[in-house]
N, C-alpha and C. Protein backbone atom coordinates (compact mmCIF):
# COMPACT_ATOMS: atom_id res chain seq x y z
N MET A 1 -8.78 104.04 101.32
CA MET A 1 -9.70 104.35 100.33
C MET A 1 -10.64 105.47 100.89
N MET A 2 -10.95 105.51 102.25
CA MET A 2 -11.91 106.57 102.72
C MET A 2 -11.29 107.94 102.75
N LYS A 3 -9.84 107.94 102.97
CA LYS A 3 -9.22 109.18 102.83
C LYS A 3 -9.16 109.62 101.38
N LEU A 4 -9.01 108.98 100.49
CA LEU A 4 -9.00 109.33 99.05
C LEU A 4 -10.39 109.88 98.59
N PHE A 5 -11.36 109.08 99.23
CA PHE A 5 -12.90 109.63 98.91
C PHE A 5 -13.04 111.00 99.58
N VAL A 6 -12.61 111.18 100.92
CA VAL A 6 -12.91 112.45 101.48
C VAL A 6 -12.09 113.54 100.61
N SER A 7 -10.90 113.12 100.32
CA SER A 7 -10.02 114.20 99.61
C SER A 7 -10.58 114.70 98.16
N ALA A 8 -11.01 113.60 97.59
CA ALA A 8 -11.70 113.77 96.20
C ALA A 8 -12.97 114.75 96.32
N LEU A 9 -13.83 114.31 97.29
CA LEU A 9 -15.12 114.95 97.60
C LEU A 9 -14.68 116.32 97.96
N ALA A 10 -13.90 116.64 98.81
CA ALA A 10 -13.61 117.88 99.26
C ALA A 10 -13.15 118.94 98.10
N LYS A 11 -12.12 118.27 97.20
CA LYS A 11 -11.68 119.03 95.99
C LYS A 11 -12.79 119.41 95.03
N PHE A 12 -13.64 118.44 94.91
CA PHE A 12 -14.93 118.60 94.00
C PHE A 12 -15.77 119.65 94.38
N LEU A 13 -16.09 119.69 95.84
CA LEU A 13 -16.96 120.64 96.27
C LEU A 13 -16.46 122.04 96.26
N VAL A 14 -15.12 122.24 96.66
CA VAL A 14 -14.38 123.52 96.68
C VAL A 14 -14.27 124.00 95.22
N GLY A 15 -14.05 123.02 94.34
CA GLY A 15 -14.02 123.39 92.86
C GLY A 15 -15.35 123.87 92.34
N PHE A 16 -16.61 123.45 92.63
CA PHE A 16 -17.80 123.72 92.32
C PHE A 16 -18.21 125.12 92.97
N VAL A 17 -17.80 125.35 94.29
CA VAL A 17 -18.16 126.45 94.80
C VAL A 17 -17.41 127.71 94.15
N MET A 18 -16.00 127.35 93.96
CA MET A 18 -15.17 128.52 93.42
C MET A 18 -15.78 128.98 91.91
N VAL A 19 -15.95 127.97 91.15
CA VAL A 19 -16.43 128.20 89.73
C VAL A 19 -17.83 128.84 89.72
N ALA A 20 -18.73 128.41 90.68
CA ALA A 20 -19.93 129.02 90.77
C ALA A 20 -19.83 130.51 91.23
N ALA A 21 -19.01 130.73 92.07
CA ALA A 21 -18.88 132.22 92.61
C ALA A 21 -18.30 132.99 91.58
N LEU A 22 -17.29 132.45 90.77
CA LEU A 22 -16.70 133.16 89.64
C LEU A 22 -17.70 133.69 88.59
N ILE A 23 -18.67 132.72 88.42
CA ILE A 23 -19.80 132.92 87.34
C ILE A 23 -20.84 133.74 87.98
N PHE A 24 -21.37 133.38 88.96
CA PHE A 24 -22.69 133.93 89.46
C PHE A 24 -22.49 135.29 90.19
N LEU A 25 -21.42 135.52 90.75
CA LEU A 25 -21.19 136.77 91.45
C LEU A 25 -21.18 137.92 90.53
N PRO A 26 -20.27 137.84 89.41
CA PRO A 26 -20.24 138.95 88.38
C PRO A 26 -21.74 139.13 87.77
N ALA A 27 -22.37 137.87 87.53
CA ALA A 27 -23.74 138.05 86.93
C ALA A 27 -24.73 138.58 87.75
N GLY A 28 -24.47 138.69 89.06
CA GLY A 28 -25.46 139.42 90.11
C GLY A 28 -26.65 138.44 90.30
N THR A 29 -26.81 137.32 89.76
CA THR A 29 -28.03 136.60 89.97
C THR A 29 -27.69 135.01 89.69
N LEU A 30 -28.61 134.25 90.30
CA LEU A 30 -28.38 132.76 90.02
C LEU A 30 -29.30 132.24 88.86
N ALA A 31 -30.03 133.22 88.42
CA ALA A 31 -30.95 132.95 87.17
C ALA A 31 -30.19 133.27 85.83
N TYR A 32 -29.04 132.60 85.87
CA TYR A 32 -28.13 132.72 84.54
C TYR A 32 -28.06 131.29 83.89
N ARG A 33 -28.82 131.39 82.87
CA ARG A 33 -28.92 129.92 82.18
C ARG A 33 -27.71 129.46 81.57
N GLY A 34 -26.75 130.28 81.06
CA GLY A 34 -25.60 129.76 80.54
C GLY A 34 -24.62 129.29 81.76
N GLY A 35 -24.66 129.86 82.85
CA GLY A 35 -24.00 129.36 83.97
C GLY A 35 -24.38 128.22 84.57
N ILE A 36 -25.77 127.94 84.66
CA ILE A 36 -26.30 126.76 85.16
C ILE A 36 -25.95 125.63 84.07
N LEU A 37 -25.94 125.94 82.87
CA LEU A 37 -25.71 124.84 81.88
C LEU A 37 -24.36 124.38 81.96
N PHE A 38 -23.23 125.38 82.07
CA PHE A 38 -22.06 125.05 82.16
C PHE A 38 -21.58 124.21 83.27
N LEU A 39 -22.02 124.66 84.55
CA LEU A 39 -21.93 123.69 85.81
C LEU A 39 -22.38 122.35 85.86
N CYS A 40 -23.54 122.23 85.04
CA CYS A 40 -23.98 120.84 84.81
C CYS A 40 -23.13 120.12 83.87
N LEU A 41 -22.83 120.68 82.83
CA LEU A 41 -21.96 120.10 81.69
C LEU A 41 -20.54 119.68 82.30
N LEU A 42 -19.99 120.51 83.34
CA LEU A 42 -18.70 120.20 83.83
C LEU A 42 -18.74 119.23 85.20
N PHE A 43 -19.56 119.47 86.00
CA PHE A 43 -19.48 118.85 87.35
C PHE A 43 -20.33 117.61 87.32
N VAL A 44 -21.34 117.38 86.43
CA VAL A 44 -22.03 116.10 86.57
C VAL A 44 -21.20 114.83 86.04
N PRO A 45 -20.51 115.15 84.82
CA PRO A 45 -19.64 114.01 84.33
C PRO A 45 -18.39 114.05 85.23
N MET A 46 -17.93 115.06 85.73
CA MET A 46 -16.84 114.96 86.76
C MET A 46 -17.16 114.09 87.89
N LEU A 47 -18.34 114.17 88.49
CA LEU A 47 -18.67 113.35 89.72
C LEU A 47 -18.75 111.90 89.22
N VAL A 48 -19.35 111.60 87.99
CA VAL A 48 -19.42 110.22 87.62
C VAL A 48 -18.10 109.69 87.40
N MET A 49 -17.19 110.35 86.73
CA MET A 49 -15.72 109.98 86.35
C MET A 49 -14.99 109.70 87.81
N GLY A 50 -15.26 110.53 88.63
CA GLY A 50 -14.52 110.39 89.99
C GLY A 50 -14.94 109.15 90.66
N ALA A 51 -16.28 108.99 90.68
CA ALA A 51 -16.75 107.66 91.25
C ALA A 51 -16.24 106.33 90.55
N VAL A 52 -16.24 106.36 89.22
CA VAL A 52 -15.64 105.32 88.54
C VAL A 52 -14.24 105.04 88.92
N MET A 53 -13.33 106.14 88.86
CA MET A 53 -11.95 106.06 89.18
C MET A 53 -11.77 105.57 90.62
N LEU A 54 -12.64 106.17 91.65
CA LEU A 54 -12.59 105.63 92.98
C LEU A 54 -12.77 104.08 93.04
N ALA A 55 -13.51 103.70 92.47
CA ALA A 55 -14.11 102.28 92.39
C ALA A 55 -13.11 101.23 91.47
N ARG A 56 -12.60 101.84 90.49
CA ARG A 56 -11.93 101.09 89.55
C ARG A 56 -10.29 101.22 89.45
N ALA A 57 -10.05 102.57 89.63
CA ALA A 57 -8.71 103.07 89.45
C ALA A 57 -8.16 104.19 90.40
N PRO A 58 -8.17 103.80 91.71
CA PRO A 58 -7.84 104.77 92.72
C PRO A 58 -6.47 105.42 92.69
N ASP A 59 -5.50 104.69 92.12
CA ASP A 59 -4.23 105.21 91.87
C ASP A 59 -4.29 106.28 90.86
N LEU A 60 -5.09 106.11 89.82
CA LEU A 60 -5.15 107.25 88.78
C LEU A 60 -5.77 108.62 89.41
N LEU A 61 -6.95 108.28 90.36
CA LEU A 61 -7.50 109.28 90.99
C LEU A 61 -6.50 110.07 91.83
N ARG A 62 -5.83 109.28 92.41
CA ARG A 62 -4.75 110.07 93.27
C ARG A 62 -3.90 110.93 92.51
N LYS A 63 -3.44 110.50 91.19
CA LYS A 63 -2.72 111.33 90.42
C LYS A 63 -3.34 112.57 89.88
N ARG A 64 -4.60 112.20 89.66
CA ARG A 64 -5.52 113.43 89.23
C ARG A 64 -5.65 114.58 90.24
N LEU A 65 -5.70 114.06 91.54
CA LEU A 65 -5.78 115.09 92.54
C LEU A 65 -4.53 115.89 92.89
N ASP A 66 -3.42 115.47 92.39
CA ASP A 66 -2.10 116.00 92.51
C ASP A 66 -1.89 117.06 91.42
N ALA A 67 -2.13 118.45 91.77
CA ALA A 67 -2.12 119.33 90.89
C ALA A 67 -1.06 120.25 91.04
N LYS A 68 -0.04 120.06 91.94
CA LYS A 68 1.05 120.72 92.28
C LYS A 68 2.24 120.59 91.19
N GLU A 69 2.45 121.51 90.15
CA GLU A 69 3.28 121.32 89.24
C GLU A 69 4.80 121.53 89.68
N LYS A 70 5.59 120.54 89.43
CA LYS A 70 6.99 120.65 89.79
C LYS A 70 7.94 121.11 88.76
N GLN A 71 7.59 121.23 87.52
CA GLN A 71 8.55 121.77 86.53
C GLN A 71 8.49 123.32 86.41
N GLY A 72 9.57 123.94 86.81
CA GLY A 72 9.61 125.42 86.86
C GLY A 72 8.94 126.10 85.65
N ASP A 73 9.21 125.69 84.50
CA ASP A 73 8.79 126.53 83.26
C ASP A 73 7.18 126.13 83.12
N GLN A 74 6.71 125.08 83.72
CA GLN A 74 5.26 124.80 83.60
C GLN A 74 4.40 125.45 84.52
N LYS A 75 5.11 125.94 85.52
CA LYS A 75 4.38 126.68 86.70
C LYS A 75 3.80 127.88 86.20
N GLY A 76 4.46 128.63 85.24
CA GLY A 76 4.00 129.85 84.63
C GLY A 76 2.81 129.45 83.69
N VAL A 77 3.06 128.55 82.89
CA VAL A 77 1.97 128.10 82.10
C VAL A 77 0.70 127.75 82.88
N VAL A 78 0.60 127.01 83.84
CA VAL A 78 -0.40 126.74 84.90
C VAL A 78 -1.01 128.08 85.37
N ALA A 79 -0.07 128.86 85.67
CA ALA A 79 -0.58 130.25 86.27
C ALA A 79 -1.31 130.91 85.33
N VAL A 80 -1.04 131.06 84.28
CA VAL A 80 -1.58 131.95 83.13
C VAL A 80 -2.81 131.24 82.66
N SER A 81 -2.92 129.88 82.75
CA SER A 81 -4.04 129.12 82.39
C SER A 81 -5.24 129.44 83.33
N GLY A 82 -4.83 129.56 84.71
CA GLY A 82 -5.71 129.80 85.75
C GLY A 82 -6.32 131.09 85.73
N LEU A 83 -5.33 132.16 85.16
CA LEU A 83 -5.79 133.49 84.88
C LEU A 83 -6.68 133.71 83.85
N ILE A 84 -6.63 132.86 82.61
CA ILE A 84 -7.49 132.88 81.74
C ILE A 84 -8.90 132.53 81.95
N PHE A 85 -8.96 131.38 82.86
CA PHE A 85 -10.24 131.07 83.48
C PHE A 85 -10.93 131.88 84.29
N LEU A 86 -10.29 132.61 84.99
CA LEU A 86 -10.55 133.67 85.99
C LEU A 86 -11.16 134.74 85.20
N VAL A 87 -10.50 135.33 84.37
CA VAL A 87 -10.92 136.61 83.61
C VAL A 87 -12.07 136.05 82.64
N GLY A 88 -12.13 134.79 82.15
CA GLY A 88 -13.16 134.44 81.24
C GLY A 88 -14.42 134.32 82.04
N PHE A 89 -14.41 133.60 83.22
CA PHE A 89 -15.56 133.45 83.92
C PHE A 89 -16.21 134.78 84.28
N VAL A 90 -15.32 135.59 84.90
CA VAL A 90 -15.93 137.02 85.33
C VAL A 90 -16.47 137.92 84.25
N LEU A 91 -15.91 137.69 83.18
CA LEU A 91 -16.18 138.53 81.92
C LEU A 91 -17.51 137.97 81.44
N ALA A 92 -17.68 136.67 81.31
CA ALA A 92 -18.94 136.06 80.99
C ALA A 92 -20.19 136.39 82.03
N GLY A 93 -19.93 136.44 83.32
CA GLY A 93 -20.99 136.99 84.30
C GLY A 93 -21.13 138.31 83.97
N LEU A 94 -20.16 139.25 83.76
CA LEU A 94 -20.57 140.73 83.65
C LEU A 94 -21.37 140.79 82.22
N ASP A 95 -20.90 139.98 81.15
CA ASP A 95 -21.55 140.08 80.01
C ASP A 95 -23.16 139.90 80.26
N PHE A 96 -23.40 138.89 80.83
CA PHE A 96 -24.77 138.57 81.17
C PHE A 96 -25.54 139.64 82.00
N ARG A 97 -24.86 140.07 82.98
CA ARG A 97 -25.55 141.19 83.84
C ARG A 97 -25.77 142.48 83.00
N PHE A 98 -24.91 142.75 82.15
CA PHE A 98 -25.19 144.01 81.56
C PHE A 98 -25.57 143.94 79.98
N GLY A 99 -25.79 142.60 79.59
CA GLY A 99 -26.31 142.41 78.33
C GLY A 99 -25.50 142.95 77.15
N TRP A 100 -24.10 142.66 77.36
CA TRP A 100 -23.19 143.26 76.24
C TRP A 100 -23.38 142.31 74.90
N SER A 101 -23.65 140.99 75.05
CA SER A 101 -23.74 140.11 73.87
C SER A 101 -24.69 139.05 74.11
N SER A 102 -25.03 138.28 73.11
CA SER A 102 -25.98 137.26 73.22
C SER A 102 -25.54 136.10 72.20
N VAL A 103 -25.45 134.99 72.62
CA VAL A 103 -25.06 133.79 71.55
C VAL A 103 -26.36 133.10 71.26
N PRO A 104 -26.55 132.85 69.95
CA PRO A 104 -27.77 132.14 69.41
C PRO A 104 -27.88 130.71 70.08
N LEU A 105 -29.08 130.39 70.19
CA LEU A 105 -29.20 128.90 71.01
C LEU A 105 -28.57 127.84 70.08
N VAL A 106 -28.67 127.87 68.91
CA VAL A 106 -28.15 126.77 68.08
C VAL A 106 -26.55 126.71 68.35
N VAL A 107 -25.95 127.90 68.57
CA VAL A 107 -24.64 127.97 68.73
C VAL A 107 -24.08 127.34 70.17
N VAL A 108 -25.08 127.67 71.13
CA VAL A 108 -24.87 127.21 72.63
C VAL A 108 -24.95 125.69 72.61
N ILE A 109 -25.98 125.28 71.76
CA ILE A 109 -26.19 123.76 71.78
C ILE A 109 -24.94 123.09 71.08
N ALA A 110 -24.47 123.58 69.92
CA ALA A 110 -23.43 123.08 69.19
C ALA A 110 -22.02 123.10 70.21
N SER A 111 -22.03 124.10 70.87
CA SER A 111 -20.71 124.25 71.74
C SER A 111 -20.99 123.27 73.01
N SER A 112 -22.01 123.01 73.47
CA SER A 112 -22.27 122.23 74.44
C SER A 112 -21.88 120.60 74.11
N VAL A 113 -22.39 120.30 72.84
CA VAL A 113 -22.11 118.96 72.28
C VAL A 113 -20.69 118.89 71.97
N LEU A 114 -19.89 119.89 71.61
CA LEU A 114 -18.38 119.91 71.36
C LEU A 114 -17.78 119.61 72.68
N PHE A 115 -18.36 120.29 73.83
CA PHE A 115 -17.57 120.21 75.03
C PHE A 115 -17.71 118.80 75.67
N LEU A 116 -18.88 118.20 75.32
CA LEU A 116 -19.20 116.89 75.92
C LEU A 116 -18.48 115.89 74.98
N ALA A 117 -18.17 116.18 73.85
CA ALA A 117 -17.26 115.35 73.06
C ALA A 117 -15.83 115.24 73.44
N GLY A 118 -15.48 116.55 73.82
CA GLY A 118 -14.05 116.67 74.50
C GLY A 118 -14.05 116.02 75.85
N TYR A 119 -15.13 115.99 76.54
CA TYR A 119 -15.10 115.24 77.81
C TYR A 119 -15.13 113.72 77.66
N ALA A 120 -15.76 113.26 76.70
CA ALA A 120 -15.67 111.88 76.38
C ALA A 120 -14.11 111.32 75.92
N MET A 121 -13.71 112.30 75.14
CA MET A 121 -12.23 112.02 74.68
C MET A 121 -11.32 112.01 75.91
N TYR A 122 -11.50 112.94 76.81
CA TYR A 122 -10.75 113.14 77.90
C TYR A 122 -10.92 111.84 78.69
N ALA A 123 -12.16 111.25 78.94
CA ALA A 123 -12.20 109.91 79.68
C ALA A 123 -11.66 108.71 79.07
N GLU A 124 -11.63 108.75 77.64
CA GLU A 124 -11.08 107.61 76.90
C GLU A 124 -9.53 107.73 77.10
N VAL A 125 -8.86 109.02 77.11
CA VAL A 125 -7.58 109.20 77.38
C VAL A 125 -7.20 108.48 78.84
N MET A 126 -8.05 108.83 79.87
CA MET A 126 -7.70 108.30 81.12
C MET A 126 -7.78 106.82 81.16
N ARG A 127 -8.70 106.42 80.32
CA ARG A 127 -8.89 104.77 80.38
C ARG A 127 -7.63 104.20 79.71
N GLU A 128 -6.95 104.74 78.80
CA GLU A 128 -5.91 104.27 77.94
C GLU A 128 -4.50 104.40 78.72
N ASN A 129 -4.46 105.53 79.41
CA ASN A 129 -3.13 105.98 80.00
C ASN A 129 -3.20 105.74 81.53
N ALA A 130 -2.68 104.81 82.04
CA ALA A 130 -2.68 104.78 83.69
C ALA A 130 -1.71 105.65 84.35
N TYR A 131 -0.59 106.06 83.25
CA TYR A 131 0.26 107.16 83.80
C TYR A 131 -0.22 108.55 84.03
N LEU A 132 -1.44 108.82 83.49
CA LEU A 132 -1.70 110.24 83.11
C LEU A 132 -1.82 110.88 84.55
N SER A 133 -1.29 112.03 84.59
CA SER A 133 -1.39 112.98 85.70
C SER A 133 -1.51 114.39 85.40
N ARG A 134 -1.87 115.12 86.43
CA ARG A 134 -2.04 116.57 86.14
C ARG A 134 -0.72 117.40 85.98
N THR A 135 0.23 116.65 86.54
CA THR A 135 1.67 117.39 86.55
C THR A 135 2.61 116.67 85.42
N ILE A 136 3.46 117.48 84.96
CA ILE A 136 4.40 116.70 83.95
C ILE A 136 5.58 115.96 84.92
N LYS A 137 5.64 114.78 84.54
CA LYS A 137 6.67 113.79 85.33
C LYS A 137 6.57 112.66 84.69
N VAL A 138 7.80 111.88 84.93
CA VAL A 138 8.05 110.37 84.55
C VAL A 138 8.04 109.64 85.69
N GLU A 139 7.26 108.60 85.85
CA GLU A 139 7.08 107.78 86.94
C GLU A 139 8.07 106.56 86.78
N LYS A 140 8.45 105.91 87.78
CA LYS A 140 9.22 104.58 87.73
C LYS A 140 8.33 103.62 87.14
N GLY A 141 8.98 103.05 86.17
CA GLY A 141 8.31 101.84 85.46
C GLY A 141 7.42 102.26 84.31
N GLN A 142 7.37 103.57 84.02
CA GLN A 142 6.44 104.19 83.01
C GLN A 142 6.88 103.69 81.68
N THR A 143 6.01 103.26 80.84
CA THR A 143 6.21 102.98 79.42
C THR A 143 5.37 103.82 78.53
N VAL A 144 5.92 103.73 77.39
CA VAL A 144 5.02 104.61 76.27
C VAL A 144 3.76 104.08 75.80
N VAL A 145 2.74 104.91 75.89
CA VAL A 145 1.36 104.38 75.47
C VAL A 145 1.09 104.84 74.08
N SER A 146 0.93 103.90 73.06
CA SER A 146 0.93 104.17 71.69
C SER A 146 -0.32 103.72 71.00
N THR A 147 -1.32 103.32 71.54
CA THR A 147 -2.44 102.67 71.08
C THR A 147 -3.63 103.58 71.34
N GLY A 148 -4.60 103.25 70.70
CA GLY A 148 -5.77 104.00 70.66
C GLY A 148 -5.61 105.49 70.30
N LEU A 149 -6.17 106.46 70.95
CA LEU A 149 -5.77 107.89 70.51
C LEU A 149 -4.50 108.33 70.60
N TYR A 150 -3.55 107.65 71.38
CA TYR A 150 -2.25 107.92 71.34
C TYR A 150 -1.48 107.36 69.97
N GLY A 151 -2.19 106.60 69.35
CA GLY A 151 -1.78 106.29 67.96
C GLY A 151 -2.14 107.26 66.95
N VAL A 152 -2.92 108.13 67.32
CA VAL A 152 -3.46 109.24 66.24
C VAL A 152 -2.60 110.44 66.38
N VAL A 153 -2.53 110.96 67.81
CA VAL A 153 -1.81 112.29 68.23
C VAL A 153 -1.07 111.97 69.62
N ARG A 154 -0.06 112.57 69.79
CA ARG A 154 0.85 112.17 70.90
C ARG A 154 0.26 112.75 72.19
N HIS A 155 -0.67 113.84 72.17
CA HIS A 155 -1.10 114.40 73.34
C HIS A 155 -2.63 114.46 73.26
N PRO A 156 -3.42 113.49 73.15
CA PRO A 156 -4.80 113.53 73.12
C PRO A 156 -5.51 114.23 74.20
N MET A 157 -4.79 114.30 75.37
CA MET A 157 -5.46 114.94 76.48
C MET A 157 -5.61 116.43 76.23
N TYR A 158 -4.48 116.99 75.71
CA TYR A 158 -4.65 118.35 75.45
C TYR A 158 -5.55 118.82 74.21
N THR A 159 -5.72 117.76 73.37
CA THR A 159 -6.69 117.95 72.09
C THR A 159 -8.15 118.07 72.82
N ALA A 160 -8.33 117.01 73.82
CA ALA A 160 -9.64 117.06 74.56
C ALA A 160 -9.91 118.32 75.23
N SER A 161 -8.77 118.95 75.96
CA SER A 161 -9.08 120.13 76.73
C SER A 161 -9.49 121.22 76.05
N VAL A 162 -8.84 121.38 74.84
CA VAL A 162 -9.01 122.62 73.72
C VAL A 162 -10.53 122.20 73.26
N LEU A 163 -10.89 121.15 72.92
CA LEU A 163 -12.31 120.76 72.53
C LEU A 163 -13.25 121.25 73.66
N MET A 164 -13.00 121.05 74.82
CA MET A 164 -13.74 121.32 75.87
C MET A 164 -13.85 122.99 76.21
N PHE A 165 -12.65 123.44 76.32
CA PHE A 165 -12.68 124.89 76.99
C PHE A 165 -12.57 125.96 75.75
N LEU A 166 -12.29 125.74 74.60
CA LEU A 166 -12.44 126.84 73.69
C LEU A 166 -13.82 127.26 73.52
N PRO A 167 -14.84 126.35 73.32
CA PRO A 167 -16.38 126.70 73.30
C PRO A 167 -16.97 127.08 74.42
N LEU A 168 -16.19 127.10 75.66
CA LEU A 168 -16.91 127.27 76.87
C LEU A 168 -17.39 128.56 76.95
N PRO A 169 -16.81 129.70 76.51
CA PRO A 169 -17.60 131.18 76.64
C PRO A 169 -18.91 131.07 75.83
N LEU A 170 -19.06 130.35 74.75
CA LEU A 170 -20.22 130.36 73.99
C LEU A 170 -21.33 129.42 74.80
N ILE A 171 -20.99 128.57 75.61
CA ILE A 171 -21.92 127.73 76.49
C ILE A 171 -22.47 128.77 77.56
N LEU A 172 -21.58 129.71 78.04
CA LEU A 172 -21.86 130.70 78.93
C LEU A 172 -22.53 132.00 78.41
N ASP A 173 -23.02 131.87 76.91
CA ASP A 173 -23.80 132.82 76.32
C ASP A 173 -22.92 134.12 76.35
N SER A 174 -21.64 134.17 75.92
CA SER A 174 -20.86 135.23 75.92
C SER A 174 -19.90 135.36 74.83
N TRP A 175 -19.93 136.21 73.88
CA TRP A 175 -18.90 136.42 72.87
C TRP A 175 -17.56 137.15 73.29
N TYR A 176 -17.78 137.97 74.29
CA TYR A 176 -16.58 138.59 74.93
C TYR A 176 -15.72 137.82 75.64
N ALA A 177 -16.27 136.94 76.36
CA ALA A 177 -15.29 135.85 77.08
C ALA A 177 -14.49 134.95 76.18
N LEU A 178 -14.73 134.97 74.78
CA LEU A 178 -13.96 134.33 73.99
C LEU A 178 -12.64 134.86 73.94
N ILE A 179 -12.37 136.16 74.10
CA ILE A 179 -11.13 136.88 74.05
C ILE A 179 -10.06 136.32 74.84
N PRO A 180 -10.21 136.09 76.23
CA PRO A 180 -9.28 135.38 76.96
C PRO A 180 -9.05 134.02 76.74
N PHE A 181 -10.11 133.18 76.39
CA PHE A 181 -10.14 131.70 76.07
C PHE A 181 -9.28 131.56 74.82
N ALA A 182 -9.32 132.62 73.98
CA ALA A 182 -8.70 132.33 72.66
C ALA A 182 -6.99 132.01 72.86
N PHE A 183 -6.55 132.42 73.98
CA PHE A 183 -5.08 132.18 74.18
C PHE A 183 -4.97 130.90 74.90
N TYR A 184 -5.93 130.14 75.10
CA TYR A 184 -5.85 128.65 75.67
C TYR A 184 -5.01 127.67 74.95
N PRO A 185 -5.35 127.64 73.34
CA PRO A 185 -4.62 126.64 72.63
C PRO A 185 -3.18 127.02 72.58
N GLY A 186 -2.75 128.27 72.50
CA GLY A 186 -1.31 128.58 72.62
C GLY A 186 -0.69 128.05 73.83
N LEU A 187 -1.22 128.34 75.03
CA LEU A 187 -0.68 127.85 76.23
C LEU A 187 -0.53 126.38 76.16
N MET A 188 -1.48 125.50 75.55
CA MET A 188 -1.34 124.13 75.49
C MET A 188 -0.09 123.78 74.60
N VAL A 189 0.11 124.60 73.59
CA VAL A 189 1.30 124.39 72.75
C VAL A 189 2.67 124.62 73.48
N LEU A 190 2.68 125.52 74.33
CA LEU A 190 3.81 125.71 75.24
C LEU A 190 3.95 124.54 76.18
N ARG A 191 2.87 124.17 76.74
CA ARG A 191 3.01 122.96 77.61
C ARG A 191 3.38 121.65 77.00
N ILE A 192 2.91 121.46 75.87
CA ILE A 192 3.35 120.25 75.07
C ILE A 192 4.84 120.33 74.77
N ARG A 193 5.34 121.58 74.37
CA ARG A 193 6.75 121.48 74.06
C ARG A 193 7.60 121.20 75.33
N GLY A 194 7.32 121.64 76.52
CA GLY A 194 7.92 121.43 77.83
C GLY A 194 7.81 119.96 78.13
N GLU A 195 6.62 119.51 77.93
CA GLU A 195 6.29 118.04 78.24
C GLU A 195 7.20 117.09 77.37
N GLU A 196 7.24 117.39 76.12
CA GLU A 196 8.09 116.48 75.11
C GLU A 196 9.50 116.61 75.44
N LYS A 197 9.98 117.78 75.83
CA LYS A 197 11.40 117.83 76.20
C LYS A 197 11.85 116.96 77.28
N LEU A 198 10.83 116.91 78.41
CA LEU A 198 11.04 116.11 79.49
C LEU A 198 10.96 114.46 79.15
N LEU A 199 9.80 114.16 78.50
CA LEU A 199 9.71 112.84 78.04
C LEU A 199 10.77 112.29 77.08
N THR A 200 11.08 113.16 76.13
CA THR A 200 12.25 112.73 75.37
C THR A 200 13.55 112.38 76.07
N ALA A 201 13.86 113.03 77.19
CA ALA A 201 14.99 112.94 77.78
C ALA A 201 14.96 111.73 79.01
N GLU A 202 13.73 111.69 79.40
CA GLU A 202 13.66 110.56 80.56
C GLU A 202 12.81 109.28 80.30
N LEU A 203 11.97 109.31 79.30
CA LEU A 203 11.14 108.10 79.18
C LEU A 203 11.61 107.31 77.95
N ALA A 204 12.09 106.18 78.22
CA ALA A 204 12.54 105.13 77.24
C ALA A 204 11.63 104.85 76.13
N GLY A 205 12.00 104.93 74.84
CA GLY A 205 11.03 104.74 73.80
C GLY A 205 10.36 105.83 73.28
N TYR A 206 10.46 107.10 73.95
CA TYR A 206 9.66 108.21 73.57
C TYR A 206 10.22 108.79 72.18
N GLU A 207 11.35 108.80 71.95
CA GLU A 207 11.96 109.28 70.76
C GLU A 207 11.47 108.39 69.48
N ALA A 208 11.44 107.20 69.72
CA ALA A 208 10.86 106.30 68.54
C ALA A 208 9.44 106.56 68.37
N TYR A 209 8.69 106.80 69.54
CA TYR A 209 7.20 106.93 69.43
C TYR A 209 6.91 108.33 68.71
N LYS A 210 7.87 109.38 68.85
CA LYS A 210 7.66 110.63 68.16
C LYS A 210 7.64 110.36 66.66
N LYS A 211 8.67 109.38 66.19
CA LYS A 211 8.80 109.22 64.80
C LYS A 211 7.69 108.31 64.16
N LYS A 212 7.08 107.64 65.14
CA LYS A 212 5.89 106.78 64.65
C LYS A 212 4.76 107.65 64.47
N VAL A 213 4.43 108.52 65.61
CA VAL A 213 3.26 109.31 65.60
C VAL A 213 3.54 110.73 65.42
N ARG A 214 3.40 111.38 64.19
CA ARG A 214 4.01 112.58 63.88
C ARG A 214 3.50 113.81 64.55
N TYR A 215 2.23 113.59 64.72
CA TYR A 215 1.38 114.96 65.03
C TYR A 215 1.12 114.88 66.57
N ARG A 216 1.14 116.17 67.16
CA ARG A 216 1.21 116.40 68.67
C ARG A 216 -0.31 116.50 69.09
N MET A 217 -0.97 117.30 68.54
CA MET A 217 -2.38 117.61 69.01
C MET A 217 -3.42 117.56 68.07
N ILE A 218 -3.14 117.86 66.66
CA ILE A 218 -4.17 118.08 65.75
C ILE A 218 -3.62 117.21 64.55
N PRO A 219 -4.43 116.26 64.19
CA PRO A 219 -3.99 115.23 63.00
C PRO A 219 -3.70 116.04 61.78
N PHE A 220 -2.83 115.94 60.96
CA PHE A 220 -2.32 116.36 59.83
C PHE A 220 -2.04 117.94 59.82
N ILE A 221 -2.12 118.49 61.06
CA ILE A 221 -1.90 119.96 61.26
C ILE A 221 -0.64 120.18 62.05
N TRP A 222 -0.72 119.71 63.26
CA TRP A 222 0.40 119.92 64.29
C TRP A 222 0.51 118.77 65.33
């Protein structure tokens, strides 16, 4: 348990420092309200969720810490996703430094609420699905989860991620940063297609589940 705690804490701190650097270095100052707000919205709930998983679901925490994608076609999706965040954070910081754009406070607040709603949905998905991992794979003894949010859409985790990260540039007070992040939902579509191909081939009952729950990510749309 101590090894897991140290590993989780180390990854948390490294993630915090990396994101903070990508935001504040381009901004040229720590007095960046949007950057501070985003760090609080992202890392405070992350710390709480990590502590809860450590205490109640250490196996799930271990899975969430394993971010090394093993599917060849998905490695490209993960790489492009990382590039989107890299470009988006840097662009938001530069936007703040040079005053290219400004987001109305009411939009920042609405975007923050949407981000937290996505975070809450993400937490519920982790509560419902003990097999949830950051990489695409089928585990020994894994069964199809079809209740709760999984009874509405087949991939609620990706729905939650879009709810969180699409409004992220607006939290950072940047319209220009929306440009790279606009590609994020399309990447999730590609990831879902690859994941469903694997699940259909290797997870018993998934084909029947697809017929029961028609929509992948957005109810009545897709």
